[in-house]
PDB file of N, CA and C in Angstrom:
ATOM      1  N   UNK A   1     -36.188 -11.806 -66.944  1.00  0.00           N
ATOM      2  CA  UNK A   1     -35.666 -11.945 -64.934  1.00  0.00           C
ATOM      3  C   UNK A   1     -34.212 -13.130 -66.270  1.00  0.00           C
ATOM      4  N   UNK A   2     -33.465 -12.695 -64.446  1.00  0.00           N
ATOM      5  CA  UNK A   2     -32.387 -13.552 -64.845  1.00  0.00           C
ATOM      6  C   UNK A   2     -32.183 -15.381 -63.855  1.00  0.00           C
ATOM      7  N   UNK A   3     -32.139 -16.283 -64.881  1.00  0.00           N
ATOM      8  CA  UNK A   3     -32.401 -17.473 -64.513  1.00  0.00           C
ATOM      9  C   UNK A   3     -32.042 -18.318 -62.840  1.00  0.00           C
ATOM     10  N   UNK A   4     -30.969 -17.673 -62.652  1.00  0.00           N
ATOM     11  CA  UNK A   4     -30.447 -18.209 -61.111  1.00  0.00           C
ATOM     12  C   UNK A   4     -31.289 -17.136 -60.146  1.00  0.00           C
ATOM     13  N   UNK A   5     -31.617 -15.944 -60.932  1.00  0.00           N
ATOM     14  CA  UNK A   5     -32.943 -15.412 -59.761  1.00  0.00           C
ATOM     15  C   UNK A   5     -34.272 -16.594 -59.461  1.00  0.00           C
ATOM     16  N   UNK A   6     -34.521 -16.777 -60.699  1.00  0.00           N
ATOM     17  CA  UNK A   6     -35.529 -17.540 -60.877  1.00  0.00           C
ATOM     18  C   UNK A   6     -35.604 -18.456 -60.430  1.00  0.00           C
ATOM     19  N   UNK A   7     -34.847 -19.491 -60.197  1.00  0.00           N
ATOM     20  CA  UNK A   7     -34.086 -20.895 -59.435  1.00  0.00           C
ATOM     21  C   UNK A   7     -34.490 -19.903 -57.866  1.00  0.00           C
ATOM     22  N   UNK A   8     -33.713 -19.849 -57.428  1.00  0.00           N
ATOM     23  CA  UNK A   8     -33.718 -19.123 -55.913  1.00  0.00           C
ATOM     24  C   UNK A   8     -34.950 -18.923 -55.744  1.00  0.00           C
ATOM     25  N   UNK A   9     -35.814 -18.689 -56.718  1.00  0.00           N
ATOM     26  CA  UNK A   9     -37.307 -18.035 -56.008  1.00  0.00           C
ATOM     27  C   UNK A   9     -37.975 -19.181 -56.202  1.00  0.00           C
ATOM     28  N   UNK A  10     -37.840 -20.303 -57.265  1.00  0.00           N
ATOM     29  CA  UNK A  10     -38.429 -21.500 -56.920  1.00  0.00           C
ATOM     30  C   UNK A  10     -37.782 -22.248 -55.526  1.00  0.00           C
ATOM     31  N   UNK A  11     -36.630 -22.609 -55.818  1.00  0.00           N
ATOM     32  CA  UNK A  11     -35.943 -22.856 -53.853  1.00  0.00           C
ATOM     33  C   UNK A  11     -36.338 -22.454 -52.606  1.00  0.00           C
ATOM     34  N   UNK A  12     -36.725 -20.747 -52.548  1.00  0.00           N
ATOM     35  CA  UNK A  12     -37.507 -20.265 -51.531  1.00  0.00           C
ATOM     36  C   UNK A  12     -38.923 -20.635 -51.714  1.00  0.00           C
ATOM     37  N   UNK A  13     -39.638 -20.890 -52.286  1.00  0.00           N
ATOM     38  CA  UNK A  13     -41.082 -20.759 -52.277  1.00  0.00           C
ATOM     39  C   UNK A  13     -40.932 -22.451 -52.112  1.00  0.00           C
ATOM     40  N   UNK A  14     -39.893 -23.881 -52.338  1.00  0.00           N
ATOM     41  CA  UNK A  14     -40.705 -24.566 -52.061  1.00  0.00           C
ATOM     42  C   UNK A  14     -40.038 -24.818 -50.685  1.00  0.00           C
ATOM     43  N   UNK A  15     -38.867 -24.248 -49.952  1.00  0.00           N
ATOM     44  CA  UNK A  15     -38.826 -23.782 -48.227  1.00  0.00           C
ATOM     45  C   UNK A  15     -39.495 -23.506 -47.787  1.00  0.00           C
ATOM     46  N   UNK A  16     -40.945 -21.993 -48.074  1.00  0.00           N
ATOM     47  CA  UNK A  16     -41.542 -21.693 -47.604  1.00  0.00           C
ATOM     48  C   UNK A  16     -43.306 -22.734 -47.499  1.00  0.00           C
ATOM     49  N   UNK A  17     -43.246 -23.313 -48.316  1.00  0.00           N
ATOM     50  CA  UNK A  17     -44.035 -23.744 -48.143  1.00  0.00           C
ATOM     51  C   UNK A  17     -44.094 -25.609 -47.216  1.00  0.00           C
ATOM     52  N   UNK A  18     -42.607 -25.632 -47.477  1.00  0.00           N
ATOM     53  CA  UNK A  18     -42.510 -26.881 -46.237  1.00  0.00           C
ATOM     54  C   UNK A  18     -42.658 -26.336 -45.445  1.00  0.00           C
ATOM     55  N   UNK A  19     -41.916 -24.535 -44.520  1.00  0.00           N
ATOM     56  CA  UNK A  19     -42.194 -24.428 -43.029  1.00  0.00           C
ATOM     57  C   UNK A  19     -43.873 -24.024 -43.153  1.00  0.00           C
ATOM     58  N   UNK A  20     -44.706 -23.562 -43.612  1.00  0.00           N
ATOM     59  CA  UNK A  20     -45.719 -23.337 -43.899  1.00  0.00           C
ATOM     60  C   UNK A  20     -46.954 -24.760 -43.525  1.00  0.00           C
ATOM     61  N   UNK A  21     -46.569 -25.986 -44.533  1.00  0.00           N
ATOM     62  CA  UNK A  21     -46.698 -27.329 -44.345  1.00  0.00           C
ATOM     63  C   UNK A  21     -46.542 -27.736 -42.380  1.00  0.00           C
ATOM     64  N   UNK A  22     -44.888 -27.642 -42.372  1.00  0.00           N
ATOM     65  CA  UNK A  22     -45.074 -27.886 -40.751  1.00  0.00           C
ATOM     66  C   UNK A  22     -45.551 -26.989 -39.146  1.00  0.00           C
ATOM     67  N   UNK A  23     -45.784 -25.720 -39.521  1.00  0.00           N
ATOM     68  CA  UNK A  23     -46.509 -24.818 -39.095  1.00  0.00           C
ATOM     69  C   UNK A  23     -48.181 -25.285 -38.910  1.00  0.00           C
ATOM     70  N   UNK A  24     -48.926 -25.561 -40.169  1.00  0.00           N
ATOM     71  CA  UNK A  24     -50.229 -26.505 -40.074  1.00  0.00           C
ATOM     72  C   UNK A  24     -50.485 -27.306 -39.184  1.00  0.00           C
ATOM     73  N   UNK A  25     -49.064 -28.175 -39.346  1.00  0.00           N
ATOM     74  CA  UNK A  25     -49.295 -29.402 -38.398  1.00  0.00           C
ATOM     75  C   UNK A  25     -48.422 -29.624 -37.325  1.00  0.00           C
ATOM     76  N   UNK A  26     -48.238 -28.476 -37.033  1.00  0.00           N
ATOM     77  CA  UNK A  26     -47.417 -28.396 -35.457  1.00  0.00           C
ATOM     78  C   UNK A  26     -48.635 -28.920 -34.221  1.00  0.00           C
ATOM     79  N   UNK A  27     -48.883 -28.215 -32.971  1.00  0.00           N
ATOM     80  CA  UNK A  27     -49.677 -28.717 -32.162  1.00  0.00           C
ATOM     81  C   UNK A  27     -50.404 -27.492 -31.791  1.00  0.00           C
ATOM     82  N   UNK A  28     -49.631 -26.976 -31.629  1.00  0.00           N
ATOM     83  CA  UNK A  28     -50.524 -25.178 -31.659  1.00  0.00           C
ATOM     84  C   UNK A  28     -51.530 -25.009 -31.977  1.00  0.00           C
ATOM     85  N   UNK A  29     -51.111 -25.290 -33.329  1.00  0.00           N
ATOM     86  CA  UNK A  29     -51.711 -24.888 -34.649  1.00  0.00           C
ATOM     87  C   UNK A  29     -52.992 -26.004 -34.620  1.00  0.00           C
ATOM     88  N   UNK A  30     -53.079 -27.403 -34.663  1.00  0.00           N
ATOM     89  CA  UNK A  30     -53.789 -27.818 -33.987  1.00  0.00           C
ATOM     90  C   UNK A  30     -55.264 -27.615 -33.206  1.00  0.00           C
ATOM     91  N   UNK A  31     -54.366 -27.095 -31.888  1.00  0.00           N
ATOM     92  CA  UNK A  31     -55.266 -26.884 -31.064  1.00  0.00           C
ATOM     93  C   UNK A  31     -55.948 -25.561 -31.816  1.00  0.00           C
ATOM     94  N   UNK A  32     -55.286 -25.111 -32.276  1.00  0.00           N
ATOM     95  CA  UNK A  32     -55.855 -23.293 -33.022  1.00  0.00           C
ATOM     96  C   UNK A  32     -57.003 -23.807 -33.640  1.00  0.00           C
ATOM     97  N   UNK A  33     -56.865 -24.571 -34.902  1.00  0.00           N
ATOM     98  CA  UNK A  33     -57.940 -24.600 -35.438  1.00  0.00           C
ATOM     99  C   UNK A  33     -58.764 -25.937 -35.437  1.00  0.00           C
ATOM    100  N   UNK A  34     -58.565 -26.352 -34.503  1.00  0.00           N
ATOM    101  CA  UNK A  34     -59.637 -27.298 -33.311  1.00  0.00           C
ATOM    102  C   UNK A  34     -60.541 -26.189 -32.948  1.00  0.00           C
ATOM    103  N   UNK A  35     -60.483 -24.999 -32.152  1.00  0.00           N
ATOM    104  CA  UNK A  35     -60.738 -24.561 -31.317  1.00  0.00           C
ATOM    105  C   UNK A  35     -61.440 -23.660 -32.455  1.00  0.00           C
ATOM    106  N   UNK A  36     -60.816 -22.562 -33.540  1.00  0.00           N
ATOM    107  CA  UNK A  36     -61.239 -21.474 -34.293  1.00  0.00           C
ATOM    108  C   UNK A  36     -61.496 -22.169 -35.668  1.00  0.00           C
ATOM    109  N   UNK A  37     -61.444 -23.327 -36.034  1.00  0.00           N
ATOM    110  CA  UNK A  37     -61.836 -23.800 -36.918  1.00  0.00           C
ATOM    111  C   UNK A  37     -61.003 -23.418 -38.606  1.00  0.00           C
ATOM    112  N   UNK A  38     -59.847 -22.661 -38.330  1.00  0.00           N
ATOM    113  CA  UNK A  38     -58.627 -22.038 -38.959  1.00  0.00           C
ATOM    114  C   UNK A  38     -57.501 -22.136 -38.574  1.00  0.00           C
ATOM    115  N   UNK A  39     -57.003 -22.631 -39.575  1.00  0.00           N
ATOM    116  CA  UNK A  39     -55.115 -22.751 -39.243  1.00  0.00           C
ATOM    117  C   UNK A  39     -54.349 -21.220 -38.594  1.00  0.00           C
ATOM    118  N   UNK A  40     -53.387 -21.192 -37.653  1.00  0.00           N
ATOM    119  CA  UNK A  40     -53.021 -20.058 -37.436  1.00  0.00           C
ATOM    120  C   UNK A  40     -52.023 -19.125 -38.590  1.00  0.00           C
ATOM    121  N   UNK A  41     -52.212 -17.699 -38.248  1.00  0.00           N
ATOM    122  CA  UNK A  41     -51.692 -17.099 -39.351  1.00  0.00           C
ATOM    123  C   UNK A  41     -50.381 -16.998 -39.919  1.00  0.00           C
ATOM    124  N   UNK A  42     -49.253 -17.733 -39.259  1.00  0.00           N
ATOM    125  CA  UNK A  42     -48.317 -17.793 -39.401  1.00  0.00           C
ATOM    126  C   UNK A  42     -48.199 -19.025 -41.056  1.00  0.00           C
ATOM    127  N   UNK A  43     -49.142 -20.051 -40.391  1.00  0.00           N
ATOM    128  CA  UNK A  43     -48.754 -21.204 -41.446  1.00  0.00           C
ATOM    129  C   UNK A  43     -49.613 -20.830 -42.785  1.00  0.00           C
ATOM    130  N   UNK A  44     -50.668 -19.817 -42.854  1.00  0.00           N
ATOM    131  CA  UNK A  44     -51.498 -19.776 -44.010  1.00  0.00           C
ATOM    132  C   UNK A  44     -50.247 -18.516 -44.968  1.00  0.00           C
ATOM    133  N   UNK A  45     -49.870 -17.410 -43.391  1.00  0.00           N
ATOM    134  CA  UNK A  45     -48.666 -16.681 -44.930  1.00  0.00           C
ATOM    135  C   UNK A  45     -47.404 -17.499 -45.244  1.00  0.00           C
ATOM    136  N   UNK A  46     -47.013 -18.250 -44.383  1.00  0.00           N
ATOM    137  CA  UNK A  46     -45.671 -19.549 -44.887  1.00  0.00           C
ATOM    138  C   UNK A  46     -46.219 -19.904 -46.273  1.00  0.00           C
ATOM    139  N   UNK A  47     -47.273 -20.383 -46.441  1.00  0.00           N
ATOM    140  CA  UNK A  47     -48.503 -21.378 -47.898  1.00  0.00           C
ATOM    141  C   UNK A  47     -48.347 -19.771 -48.415  1.00  0.00           C
ATOM    142  N   UNK A  48     -49.071 -18.641 -48.170  1.00  0.00           N
ATOM    143  CA  UNK A  48     -49.169 -17.737 -49.811  1.00  0.00           C
ATOM    144  C   UNK A  48     -47.937 -17.140 -50.298  1.00  0.00           C
ATOM    145  N   UNK A  49     -47.130 -17.082 -49.274  1.00  0.00           N
ATOM    146  CA  UNK A  49     -45.601 -16.709 -49.861  1.00  0.00           C
ATOM    147  C   UNK A  49     -44.821 -17.520 -50.497  1.00  0.00           C
ATOM    148  N   UNK A  50     -45.203 -19.228 -50.217  1.00  0.00           N
ATOM    149  CA  UNK A  50     -44.275 -20.236 -51.002  1.00  0.00           C
ATOM    150  C   UNK A  50     -45.040 -20.283 -52.467  1.00  0.00           C
ATOM    151  N   UNK A  51     -46.516 -20.075 -52.624  1.00  0.00           N
ATOM    152  CA  UNK A  51     -47.390 -20.273 -53.655  1.00  0.00           C
ATOM    153  C   UNK A  51     -46.505 -19.338 -54.656  1.00  0.00           C
ATOM    154  N   UNK A  52     -46.442 -18.025 -54.107  1.00  0.00           N
ATOM    155  CA  UNK A  52     -45.947 -17.204 -55.087  1.00  0.00           C
ATOM    156  C   UNK A  52     -44.850 -16.768 -54.914  1.00  0.00           C
ATOM    157  N   UNK A  53     -43.775 -17.073 -54.611  1.00  0.00           N
ATOM    158  CA  UNK A  53     -42.152 -16.851 -54.433  1.00  0.00           C
ATOM    159  C   UNK A  53     -42.496 -18.634 -55.845  1.00  0.00           C
ATOM    160  N   UNK A  54     -43.303 -19.529 -55.753  1.00  0.00           N
ATOM    161  CA  UNK A  54     -42.686 -20.694 -56.429  1.00  0.00           C
ATOM    162  C   UNK A  54     -43.160 -20.114 -58.306  1.00  0.00           C
ATOM    163  N   UNK A  55     -44.636 -19.274 -58.204  1.00  0.00           N
ATOM    164  CA  UNK A  55     -45.641 -19.175 -59.193  1.00  0.00           C
ATOM    165  C   UNK A  55     -43.960 -18.254 -60.569  1.00  0.00           C
ATOM    166  N   UNK A  56     -44.002 -16.938 -59.474  1.00  0.00           N
ATOM    167  CA  UNK A  56     -42.646 -16.433 -60.251  1.00  0.00           C
ATOM    168  C   UNK A  56     -41.331 -16.864 -60.734  1.00  0.00           C
ATOM    169  N   UNK A  57     -41.083 -17.649 -59.386  1.00  0.00           N
ATOM    170  CA  UNK A  57     -39.723 -18.562 -60.074  1.00  0.00           C
ATOM    171  C   UNK A  57     -39.954 -19.343 -61.488  1.00  0.00           C
ATOM    172  N   UNK A  58     -40.960 -20.272 -61.026  1.00  0.00           N
ATOM    173  CA  UNK A  58     -41.039 -20.851 -62.408  1.00  0.00           C
ATOM    174  C   UNK A  58     -41.418 -20.270 -63.492  1.00  0.00           C
ATOM    175  N   UNK A  59     -42.722 -19.000 -63.663  1.00  0.00           N
ATOM    176  CA  UNK A  59     -42.781 -18.320 -64.984  1.00  0.00           C
ATOM    177  C   UNK A  59     -41.267 -17.781 -64.984  1.00  0.00           C
ATOM    178  N   UNK A  60     -40.745 -17.420 -64.625  1.00  0.00           N
ATOM    179  CA  UNK A  60     -39.632 -16.870 -64.955  1.00  0.00           C
ATOM    180  C   UNK A  60     -38.374 -17.656 -65.786  1.00  0.00           C
ATOM    181  N   UNK A  61     -38.651 -18.701 -65.321  1.00  0.00           N
ATOM    182  CA  UNK A  61     -37.507 -20.066 -65.705  1.00  0.00           C
ATOM    183  C   UNK A  61     -38.169 -20.220 -66.911  1.00  0.00           C
ATOM    184  N   UNK A  62     -39.988 -20.408 -66.900  1.00  0.00           N
ATOM    185  CA  UNK A  62     -40.242 -20.853 -68.577  1.00  0.00           C
ATOM    186  C   UNK A  62     -40.348 -19.581 -69.661  1.00  0.00           C
ATOM    187  N   UNK A  63     -40.243 -18.128 -69.045  1.00  0.00           N
ATOM    188  CA  UNK A  63     -40.300 -17.160 -70.059  1.00  0.00           C
ATOM    189  C   UNK A  63     -38.841 -16.862 -70.120  1.00  0.00           C
ATOM    190  N   UNK A  64     -37.849 -17.139 -69.473  1.00  0.00           N
ATOM    191  CA  UNK A  64     -36.687 -16.527 -69.678  1.00  0.00           C
ATOM    192  C   UNK A  64     -36.287 -16.723 -70.874  1.00  0.00           C
ATOM    193  N   UNK A  65     -36.033 -17.940 -72.211  1.00  0.00           N
ATOM    194  CA  UNK A  65     -35.941 -18.038 -73.057  1.00  0.00           C
ATOM    195  C   UNK A  65     -36.488 -17.172 -74.287  1.00  0.00           C
ATOM    196  N   UNK A  66     -37.792 -16.227 -73.969  1.00  0.00           N
ATOM    197  CA  UNK A  66     -38.466 -15.955 -74.781  1.00  0.00           C
ATOM    198  C   UNK A  66     -38.311 -14.859 -74.548  1.00  0.00           C
ATOM    199  N   UNK A  67     -38.337 -13.880 -75.919  1.00  0.00           N
ATOM    200  CA  UNK A  67     -37.974 -12.690 -75.623  1.00  0.00           C
ATOM    201  C   UNK A  67     -39.297 -11.340 -77.351  1.00  0.00           C
TER     202      UNK A  67
END
């Protein structure tokens, strides 16, 4: 995998994690979590997508020099 693509995935993953955290801390999510005891679907999907992108990006950077 190209290092530029790996860096882009890593940066996108960090941004998605940030948005997921912000979504989880929002008033609507806090109310929903108080009622259902679960965060909103948007927060969960942002966090999952962010973790996957960070793992793929970091793996691409780590294994880029190895063949």
